[in-house]
Amino acid sequence: MFDRKQAQPRFWKALLVTMVFTIPLALFARAIVRMTDLVWFALTIAFTLVVAGTIHSRTINDWRAGDTMHLRTFEKRTSVGKNIKIRRR
């Protein structure tokens, strides 16, 4: 009846996950292609922010995630209490 607002995904979590995968790839690519450090730093930051923004926007707009984010509330509403007899026809 008085449900809380659904939890929304946080941008910093998407950014953290993206950084874990992006930084090693950027270091590996830096060993192959020669550019200045400032260019690699700028490209890595830009790529990380773009990917994190994409992940964040997709998780916010995912209509399927709304069904599972409040699964506990849904189960409380639809469950049958203990010692309840359901008559069958």
PDB file of N, CA and C in Angstrom:
ATOM      1  N   MET A   1       0.824  -1.173   0.000  1.00  0.00           N
ATOM      2  CA  MET A   1       0.000   0.000   0.000  1.00  0.00           C
ATOM      3  C   MET A   1       0.879   1.251   0.000  1.00  0.00           C
ATOM      4  N   PHE A   2       1.787   1.361   0.945  1.00  0.00           N
ATOM      5  CA  PHE A   2       2.691   2.499   1.003  1.00  0.00           C
ATOM      6  C   PHE A   2       4.079   2.054   0.578  1.00  0.00           C
ATOM      7  N   ASP A   3       4.213   1.739  -0.678  1.00  0.00           N
ATOM      8  CA  ASP A   3       5.503   1.264  -1.178  1.00  0.00           C
ATOM      9  C   ASP A   3       6.478   2.422  -1.323  1.00  0.00           C
ATOM     10  N   ARG A   4       7.715   2.097  -1.074  1.00  0.00           N
ATOM     11  CA  ARG A   4       8.759   3.098  -1.279  1.00  0.00           C
ATOM     12  C   ARG A   4       9.031   3.252  -2.764  1.00  0.00           C
ATOM     13  N   LYS A   5       9.670   4.344  -3.094  1.00  0.00           N
ATOM     14  CA  LYS A   5      10.074   4.558  -4.479  1.00  0.00           C
ATOM     15  C   LYS A   5      11.130   3.514  -4.835  1.00  0.00           C
ATOM     16  N   GLN A   6      11.067   3.015  -6.046  1.00  0.00           N
ATOM     17  CA  GLN A   6      12.004   1.971  -6.444  1.00  0.00           C
ATOM     18  C   GLN A   6      13.430   2.492  -6.436  1.00  0.00           C
ATOM     19  N   ALA A   7      14.343   1.614  -6.075  1.00  0.00           N
ATOM     20  CA  ALA A   7      15.759   1.982  -6.057  1.00  0.00           C
ATOM     21  C   ALA A   7      16.240   2.216  -7.483  1.00  0.00           C
ATOM     22  N   GLN A   8      16.987   3.270  -7.663  1.00  0.00           N
ATOM     23  CA  GLN A   8      17.527   3.593  -8.981  1.00  0.00           C
ATOM     24  C   GLN A   8      19.011   3.255  -9.016  1.00  0.00           C
ATOM     25  N   PRO A   9      19.495   2.779 -10.156  1.00  0.00           N
ATOM     26  CA  PRO A   9      20.921   2.495 -10.272  1.00  0.00           C
ATOM     27  C   PRO A   9      21.741   3.781 -10.149  1.00  0.00           C
ATOM     28  N   ARG A  10      22.915   3.663  -9.603  1.00  0.00           N
ATOM     29  CA  ARG A  10      23.785   4.825  -9.407  1.00  0.00           C
ATOM     30  C   ARG A  10      24.834   4.892 -10.522  1.00  0.00           C
ATOM     31  N   PHE A  11      25.168   6.126 -10.932  1.00  0.00           N
ATOM     32  CA  PHE A  11      26.140   6.311 -12.009  1.00  0.00           C
ATOM     33  C   PHE A  11      27.540   5.890 -11.576  1.00  0.00           C
ATOM     34  N   TRP A  12      27.895   6.124 -10.322  1.00  0.00           N
ATOM     35  CA  TRP A  12      29.256   5.826  -9.883  1.00  0.00           C
ATOM     36  C   TRP A  12      29.527   4.329  -9.916  1.00  0.00           C
ATOM     37  N   LYS A  13      28.488   3.508  -9.741  1.00  0.00           N
ATOM     38  CA  LYS A  13      28.696   2.066  -9.814  1.00  0.00           C
ATOM     39  C   LYS A  13      29.002   1.641 -11.248  1.00  0.00           C
ATOM     40  N   ALA A  14      28.284   2.220 -12.200  1.00  0.00           N
ATOM     41  CA  ALA A  14      28.572   1.927 -13.607  1.00  0.00           C
ATOM     42  C   ALA A  14      29.960   2.441 -13.985  1.00  0.00           C
ATOM     43  N   LEU A  15      30.336   3.583 -13.443  1.00  0.00           N
ATOM     44  CA  LEU A  15      31.650   4.142 -13.731  1.00  0.00           C
ATOM     45  C   LEU A  15      32.766   3.266 -13.158  1.00  0.00           C
ATOM     46  N   LEU A  16      32.564   2.760 -11.967  1.00  0.00           N
ATOM     47  CA  LEU A  16      33.563   1.900 -11.339  1.00  0.00           C
ATOM     48  C   LEU A  16      33.760   0.600 -12.129  1.00  0.00           C
ATOM     49  N   VAL A  17      32.655  -0.012 -12.522  1.00  0.00           N
ATOM     50  CA  VAL A  17      32.747  -1.257 -13.298  1.00  0.00           C
ATOM     51  C   VAL A  17      33.418  -0.998 -14.642  1.00  0.00           C
ATOM     52  N   THR A  18      33.086   0.098 -15.262  1.00  0.00           N
ATOM     53  CA  THR A  18      33.696   0.436 -16.549  1.00  0.00           C
ATOM     54  C   THR A  18      35.182   0.701 -16.401  1.00  0.00           C
ATOM     55  N   MET A  19      35.579   1.373 -15.330  1.00  0.00           N
ATOM     56  CA  MET A  19      36.999   1.662 -15.117  1.00  0.00           C
ATOM     57  C   MET A  19      37.811   0.387 -14.909  1.00  0.00           C
ATOM     58  N   VAL A  20      37.217  -0.591 -14.243  1.00  0.00           N
ATOM     59  CA  VAL A  20      37.930  -1.845 -14.000  1.00  0.00           C
ATOM     60  C   VAL A  20      38.299  -2.525 -15.316  1.00  0.00           C
ATOM     61  N   PHE A  21      37.427  -2.417 -16.310  1.00  0.00           N
ATOM     62  CA  PHE A  21      37.697  -3.051 -17.592  1.00  0.00           C
ATOM     63  C   PHE A  21      38.422  -2.136 -18.578  1.00  0.00           C
ATOM     64  N   THR A  22      38.209  -0.831 -18.483  1.00  0.00           N
ATOM     65  CA  THR A  22      38.769   0.102 -19.458  1.00  0.00           C
ATOM     66  C   THR A  22      40.243   0.388 -19.221  1.00  0.00           C
ATOM     67  N   ILE A  23      40.647   0.569 -17.988  1.00  0.00           N
ATOM     68  CA  ILE A  23      42.032   0.955 -17.705  1.00  0.00           C
ATOM     69  C   ILE A  23      43.035  -0.104 -18.154  1.00  0.00           C
ATOM     70  N   PRO A  24      42.840  -1.388 -17.870  1.00  0.00           N
ATOM     71  CA  PRO A  24      43.791  -2.374 -18.406  1.00  0.00           C
ATOM     72  C   PRO A  24      43.812  -2.425 -19.936  1.00  0.00           C
ATOM     73  N   LEU A  25      42.639  -2.247 -20.560  1.00  0.00           N
ATOM     74  CA  LEU A  25      42.614  -2.220 -22.023  1.00  0.00           C
ATOM     75  C   LEU A  25      43.360  -1.014 -22.572  1.00  0.00           C
ATOM     76  N   ALA A  26      43.227   0.123 -21.917  1.00  0.00           N
ATOM     77  CA  ALA A  26      43.921   1.328 -22.363  1.00  0.00           C
ATOM     78  C   ALA A  26      45.432   1.173 -22.200  1.00  0.00           C
ATOM     79  N   LEU A  27      45.855   0.550 -21.116  1.00  0.00           N
ATOM     80  CA  LEU A  27      47.294   0.329 -20.930  1.00  0.00           C
ATOM     81  C   LEU A  27      47.848  -0.644 -21.968  1.00  0.00           C
ATOM     82  N   PHE A  28      47.069  -1.664 -22.293  1.00  0.00           N
ATOM     83  CA  PHE A  28      47.487  -2.613 -23.317  1.00  0.00           C
ATOM     84  C   PHE A  28      47.560  -1.939 -24.692  1.00  0.00           C
ATOM     85  N   ALA A  29      46.563  -1.125 -25.018  1.00  0.00           N
ATOM     86  CA  ALA A  29      46.553  -0.426 -26.299  1.00  0.00           C
ATOM     87  C   ALA A  29      47.668   0.616 -26.368  1.00  0.00           C
ATOM     88  N   ARG A  30      48.012   1.206 -25.247  1.00  0.00           N
ATOM     89  CA  ARG A  30      49.092   2.203 -25.215  1.00  0.00           C
ATOM     90  C   ARG A  30      50.430   1.561 -25.539  1.00  0.00           C
ATOM     91  N   ALA A  31      50.596   0.297 -25.175  1.00  0.00           N
ATOM     92  CA  ALA A  31      51.836  -0.400 -25.489  1.00  0.00           C
ATOM     93  C   ALA A  31      51.940  -0.702 -26.980  1.00  0.00           C
ATOM     94  N   ILE A  32      50.807  -0.812 -27.650  1.00  0.00           N
ATOM     95  CA  ILE A  32      50.815  -1.133 -29.080  1.00  0.00           C
ATOM     96  C   ILE A  32      50.918   0.121 -29.936  1.00  0.00           C
ATOM     97  N   VAL A  33      50.087   1.127 -29.655  1.00  0.00           N
ATOM     98  CA  VAL A  33      50.037   2.351 -30.460  1.00  0.00           C
ATOM     99  C   VAL A  33      50.762   3.458 -29.708  1.00  0.00           C
ATOM    100  N   ARG A  34      51.618   4.161 -30.415  1.00  0.00           N
ATOM    101  CA  ARG A  34      52.385   5.237 -29.774  1.00  0.00           C
ATOM    102  C   ARG A  34      51.675   6.572 -29.908  1.00  0.00           C
ATOM    103  N   MET A  35      51.314   7.136 -28.774  1.00  0.00           N
ATOM    104  CA  MET A  35      50.753   8.491 -28.686  1.00  0.00           C
ATOM    105  C   MET A  35      51.288   9.104 -27.408  1.00  0.00           C
ATOM    106  N   THR A  36      51.036  10.379 -27.250  1.00  0.00           N
ATOM    107  CA  THR A  36      51.500  11.026 -26.029  1.00  0.00           C
ATOM    108  C   THR A  36      50.623  10.590 -24.851  1.00  0.00           C
ATOM    109  N   ASP A  37      51.172  10.742 -23.675  1.00  0.00           N
ATOM    110  CA  ASP A  37      50.451  10.333 -22.475  1.00  0.00           C
ATOM    111  C   ASP A  37      49.167  11.130 -22.275  1.00  0.00           C
ATOM    112  N   LEU A  38      49.211  12.418 -22.600  1.00  0.00           N
ATOM    113  CA  LEU A  38      48.037  13.267 -22.421  1.00  0.00           C
ATOM    114  C   LEU A  38      46.892  12.822 -23.330  1.00  0.00           C
ATOM    115  N   VAL A  39      47.206  12.434 -24.550  1.00  0.00           N
ATOM    116  CA  VAL A  39      46.170  11.973 -25.480  1.00  0.00           C
ATOM    117  C   VAL A  39      45.549  10.669 -24.978  1.00  0.00           C
ATOM    118  N   TRP A  40      46.388   9.737 -24.515  1.00  0.00           N
ATOM    119  CA  TRP A  40      45.851   8.473 -23.994  1.00  0.00           C
ATOM    120  C   TRP A  40      44.997   8.705 -22.755  1.00  0.00           C
ATOM    121  N   PHE A  41      45.439   9.596 -21.917  1.00  0.00           N
ATOM    122  CA  PHE A  41      44.684   9.907 -20.698  1.00  0.00           C
ATOM    123  C   PHE A  41      43.317  10.489 -21.052  1.00  0.00           C
ATOM    124  N   ALA A  42      43.289  11.418 -21.993  1.00  0.00           N
ATOM    125  CA  ALA A  42      42.033  12.046 -22.408  1.00  0.00           C
ATOM    126  C   ALA A  42      41.111  11.034 -23.092  1.00  0.00           C
ATOM    127  N   LEU A  43      41.673  10.198 -23.965  1.00  0.00           N
ATOM    128  CA  LEU A  43      40.858   9.192 -24.644  1.00  0.00           C
ATOM    129  C   LEU A  43      40.294   8.155 -23.665  1.00  0.00           C
ATOM    130  N   THR A  44      41.100   7.760 -22.696  1.00  0.00           N
ATOM    131  CA  THR A  44      40.628   6.788 -21.704  1.00  0.00           C
ATOM    132  C   THR A  44      39.505   7.366 -20.864  1.00  0.00           C
ATOM    133  N   ILE A  45      39.647   8.605 -20.434  1.00  0.00           N
ATOM    134  CA  ILE A  45      38.596   9.243 -19.637  1.00  0.00           C
ATOM    135  C   ILE A  45      37.324   9.403 -20.463  1.00  0.00           C
ATOM    136  N   ALA A  46      37.453   9.861 -21.695  1.00  0.00           N
ATOM    137  CA  ALA A  46      36.278  10.050 -22.543  1.00  0.00           C
ATOM    138  C   ALA A  46      35.569   8.727 -22.818  1.00  0.00           C
ATOM    139  N   PHE A  47      36.332   7.709 -23.144  1.00  0.00           N
ATOM    140  CA  PHE A  47      35.741   6.399 -23.427  1.00  0.00           C
ATOM    141  C   PHE A  47      35.056   5.831 -22.183  1.00  0.00           C
ATOM    142  N   THR A  48      35.693   5.973 -21.033  1.00  0.00           N
ATOM    143  CA  THR A  48      35.115   5.467 -19.787  1.00  0.00           C
ATOM    144  C   THR A  48      33.808   6.172 -19.463  1.00  0.00           C
ATOM    145  N   LEU A  49      33.758   7.487 -19.607  1.00  0.00           N
ATOM    146  CA  LEU A  49      32.536   8.229 -19.313  1.00  0.00           C
ATOM    147  C   LEU A  49      31.412   7.890 -20.293  1.00  0.00           C
ATOM    148  N   VAL A  50      31.755   7.709 -21.560  1.00  0.00           N
ATOM    149  CA  VAL A  50      30.734   7.367 -22.555  1.00  0.00           C
ATOM    150  C   VAL A  50      30.150   5.982 -22.273  1.00  0.00           C
ATOM    151  N   VAL A  51      31.005   5.010 -22.001  1.00  0.00           N
ATOM    152  CA  VAL A  51      30.518   3.655 -21.736  1.00  0.00           C
ATOM    153  C   VAL A  51      29.723   3.614 -20.435  1.00  0.00           C
ATOM    154  N   ALA A  52      30.203   4.289 -19.401  1.00  0.00           N
ATOM    155  CA  ALA A  52      29.472   4.316 -18.129  1.00  0.00           C
ATOM    156  C   ALA A  52      28.122   5.011 -18.278  1.00  0.00           C
ATOM    157  N   GLY A  53      28.084   6.079 -19.041  1.00  0.00           N
ATOM    158  CA  GLY A  53      26.808   6.759 -19.296  1.00  0.00           C
ATOM    159  C   GLY A  53      25.836   5.880 -20.051  1.00  0.00           C
ATOM    160  N   THR A  54      26.338   5.128 -21.013  1.00  0.00           N
ATOM    161  CA  THR A  54      25.479   4.214 -21.769  1.00  0.00           C
ATOM    162  C   THR A  54      24.930   3.112 -20.871  1.00  0.00           C
ATOM    163  N   ILE A  55      25.785   2.525 -20.052  1.00  0.00           N
ATOM    164  CA  ILE A  55      25.342   1.474 -19.134  1.00  0.00           C
ATOM    165  C   ILE A  55      24.311   2.028 -18.154  1.00  0.00           C
ATOM    166  N   HIS A  56      24.583   3.202 -17.620  1.00  0.00           N
ATOM    167  CA  HIS A  56      23.674   3.812 -16.645  1.00  0.00           C
ATOM    168  C   HIS A  56      22.311   4.112 -17.270  1.00  0.00           C
ATOM    169  N   SER A  57      22.296   4.676 -18.466  1.00  0.00           N
ATOM    170  CA  SER A  57      21.016   5.000 -19.107  1.00  0.00           C
ATOM    171  C   SER A  57      20.240   3.742 -19.471  1.00  0.00           C
ATOM    172  N   ARG A  58      20.937   2.698 -19.846  1.00  0.00           N
ATOM    173  CA  ARG A  58      20.232   1.452 -20.173  1.00  0.00           C
ATOM    174  C   ARG A  58      19.653   0.789 -18.929  1.00  0.00           C
ATOM    175  N   THR A  59      20.352   0.855 -17.820  1.00  0.00           N
ATOM    176  CA  THR A  59      19.801   0.241 -16.610  1.00  0.00           C
ATOM    177  C   THR A  59      18.642   1.045 -16.039  1.00  0.00           C
ATOM    178  N   ILE A  60      18.660   2.349 -16.206  1.00  0.00           N
ATOM    179  CA  ILE A  60      17.539   3.168 -15.729  1.00  0.00           C
ATOM    180  C   ILE A  60      16.303   2.919 -16.587  1.00  0.00           C
ATOM    181  N   ASN A  61      16.487   2.827 -17.893  1.00  0.00           N
ATOM    182  CA  ASN A  61      15.354   2.699 -18.803  1.00  0.00           C
ATOM    183  C   ASN A  61      14.944   1.250 -19.055  1.00  0.00           C
ATOM    184  N   ASP A  62      15.521   0.308 -18.346  1.00  0.00           N
ATOM    185  CA  ASP A  62      15.186  -1.093 -18.558  1.00  0.00           C
ATOM    186  C   ASP A  62      13.881  -1.411 -17.841  1.00  0.00           C
ATOM    187  N   TRP A  63      12.833  -1.635 -18.573  1.00  0.00           N
ATOM    188  CA  TRP A  63      11.517  -1.880 -17.971  1.00  0.00           C
ATOM    189  C   TRP A  63      11.473  -3.234 -17.272  1.00  0.00           C
ATOM    190  N   ARG A  64      12.328  -4.163 -17.662  1.00  0.00           N
ATOM    191  CA  ARG A  64      12.325  -5.470 -17.012  1.00  0.00           C
ATOM    192  C   ARG A  64      12.931  -5.406 -15.618  1.00  0.00           C
ATOM    193  N   ALA A  65      13.834  -4.456 -15.379  1.00  0.00           N
ATOM    194  CA  ALA A  65      14.486  -4.366 -14.071  1.00  0.00           C
ATOM    195  C   ALA A  65      13.511  -3.925 -12.986  1.00  0.00           C
ATOM    196  N   GLY A  66      12.476  -3.202 -13.348  1.00  0.00           N
ATOM    197  CA  GLY A  66      11.497  -2.765 -12.367  1.00  0.00           C
ATOM    198  C   GLY A  66      10.757  -3.916 -11.713  1.00  0.00           C
ATOM    199  N   ASP A  67      10.638  -5.023 -12.441  1.00  0.00           N
ATOM    200  CA  ASP A  67       9.953  -6.175 -11.871  1.00  0.00           C
ATOM    201  C   ASP A  67      10.793  -6.879 -10.819  1.00  0.00           C
ATOM    202  N   THR A  68      12.086  -6.849 -10.958  1.00  0.00           N
ATOM    203  CA  THR A  68      12.941  -7.602 -10.050  1.00  0.00           C
ATOM    204  C   THR A  68      13.532  -6.755  -8.936  1.00  0.00           C
ATOM    205  N   MET A  69      13.484  -5.440  -9.044  1.00  0.00           N
ATOM    206  CA  MET A  69      14.122  -4.602  -8.032  1.00  0.00           C
ATOM    207  C   MET A  69      13.369  -4.638  -6.707  1.00  0.00           C
ATOM    208  N   HIS A  70      12.060  -4.826  -6.771  1.00  0.00           N
ATOM    209  CA  HIS A  70      11.282  -4.894  -5.546  1.00  0.00           C
ATOM    210  C   HIS A  70      10.651  -6.268  -5.414  1.00  0.00           C
ATOM    211  N   LEU A  71      11.429  -7.284  -5.616  1.00  0.00           N
ATOM    212  CA  LEU A  71      10.920  -8.644  -5.567  1.00  0.00           C
ATOM    213  C   LEU A  71      10.410  -9.005  -4.171  1.00  0.00           C
ATOM    214  N   ARG A  72      11.091  -8.524  -3.154  1.00  0.00           N
ATOM    215  CA  ARG A  72      10.677  -8.833  -1.786  1.00  0.00           C
ATOM    216  C   ARG A  72       9.302  -8.238  -1.481  1.00  0.00           C
ATOM    217  N   THR A  73       9.062  -7.007  -1.910  1.00  0.00           N
ATOM    218  CA  THR A  73       7.757  -6.384  -1.705  1.00  0.00           C
ATOM    219  C   THR A  73       6.679  -7.142  -2.469  1.00  0.00           C
ATOM    220  N   PHE A  74       6.994  -7.537  -3.687  1.00  0.00           N
ATOM    221  CA  PHE A  74       6.037  -8.295  -4.491  1.00  0.00           C
ATOM    222  C   PHE A  74       5.709  -9.629  -3.826  1.00  0.00           C
ATOM    223  N   GLU A  75       6.718 -10.292  -3.301  1.00  0.00           N
ATOM    224  CA  GLU A  75       6.486 -11.575  -2.639  1.00  0.00           C
ATOM    225  C   GLU A  75       5.652 -11.404  -1.373  1.00  0.00           C
ATOM    226  N   LYS A  76       5.851 -10.329  -0.646  1.00  0.00           N
ATOM    227  CA  LYS A  76       5.042 -10.094   0.564  1.00  0.00           C
ATOM    228  C   LYS A  76       3.575  -9.874   0.202  1.00  0.00           C
ATOM    229  N   ARG A  77       3.336  -9.168  -0.892  1.00  0.00           N
ATOM    230  CA  ARG A  77       1.965  -8.890  -1.291  1.00  0.00           C
ATOM    231  C   ARG A  77       1.237 -10.133  -1.787  1.00  0.00           C
ATOM    232  N   THR A  78       1.946 -11.007  -2.470  1.00  0.00           N
ATOM    233  CA  THR A  78       1.286 -12.128  -3.135  1.00  0.00           C
ATOM    234  C   THR A  78       1.384 -13.442  -2.380  1.00  0.00           C
ATOM    235  N   SER A  79       2.130 -13.483  -1.301  1.00  0.00           N
ATOM    236  CA  SER A  79       2.301 -14.754  -0.600  1.00  0.00           C
ATOM    237  C   SER A  79       1.103 -15.050   0.303  1.00  0.00           C
ATOM    238  N   VAL A  80       0.945 -16.300   0.594  1.00  0.00           N
ATOM    239  CA  VAL A  80      -0.121 -16.747   1.479  1.00  0.00           C
ATOM    240  C   VAL A  80       0.499 -16.999   2.848  1.00  0.00           C
ATOM    241  N   GLY A  81      -0.158 -16.528   3.879  1.00  0.00           N
ATOM    242  CA  GLY A  81       0.363 -16.677   5.225  1.00  0.00           C
ATOM    243  C   GLY A  81       0.365 -18.121   5.709  1.00  0.00           C
ATOM    244  N   LYS A  82       0.978 -18.351   6.848  1.00  0.00           N
ATOM    245  CA  LYS A  82       1.044 -19.694   7.416  1.00  0.00           C
ATOM    246  C   LYS A  82      -0.330 -20.134   7.908  1.00  0.00           C
ATOM    247  N   ASN A  83      -0.550 -21.428   7.907  1.00  0.00           N
ATOM    248  CA  ASN A  83      -1.771 -22.047   8.414  1.00  0.00           C
ATOM    249  C   ASN A  83      -3.039 -21.557   7.712  1.00  0.00           C
ATOM    250  N   ILE A  84      -2.937 -21.293   6.464  1.00  0.00           N
ATOM    251  CA  ILE A  84      -4.089 -20.883   5.667  1.00  0.00           C
ATOM    252  C   ILE A  84      -4.497 -22.069   4.801  1.00  0.00           C
ATOM    253  N   LYS A  85      -5.740 -22.437   4.882  1.00  0.00           N
ATOM    254  CA  LYS A  85      -6.221 -23.551   4.059  1.00  0.00           C
ATOM    255  C   LYS A  85      -6.908 -22.991   2.825  1.00  0.00           C
ATOM    256  N   ILE A  86      -6.498 -23.469   1.705  1.00  0.00           N
ATOM    257  CA  ILE A  86      -7.101 -23.051   0.454  1.00  0.00           C
ATOM    258  C   ILE A  86      -8.011 -24.181  -0.011  1.00  0.00           C
ATOM    259  N   ARG A  87      -9.287 -23.891  -0.117  1.00  0.00           N
ATOM    260  CA  ARG A  87     -10.240 -24.924  -0.523  1.00  0.00           C
ATOM    261  C   ARG A  87     -10.181 -25.138  -2.025  1.00  0.00           C
ATOM    262  N   ARG A  88     -10.214 -26.368  -2.388  1.00  0.00           N
ATOM    263  CA  ARG A  88     -10.220 -26.702  -3.799  1.00  0.00           C
ATOM    264  C   ARG A  88     -11.604 -27.198  -4.186  1.00  0.00           C
ATOM    265  N   ARG A  89     -11.969 -26.902  -5.387  1.00  0.00           N
ATOM    266  CA  ARG A  89     -13.315 -27.298  -5.833  1.00  0.00           C
ATOM    267  C   ARG A  89     -13.343 -28.711  -6.313  1.00  0.00           C
TER     268      ARG A  89
END
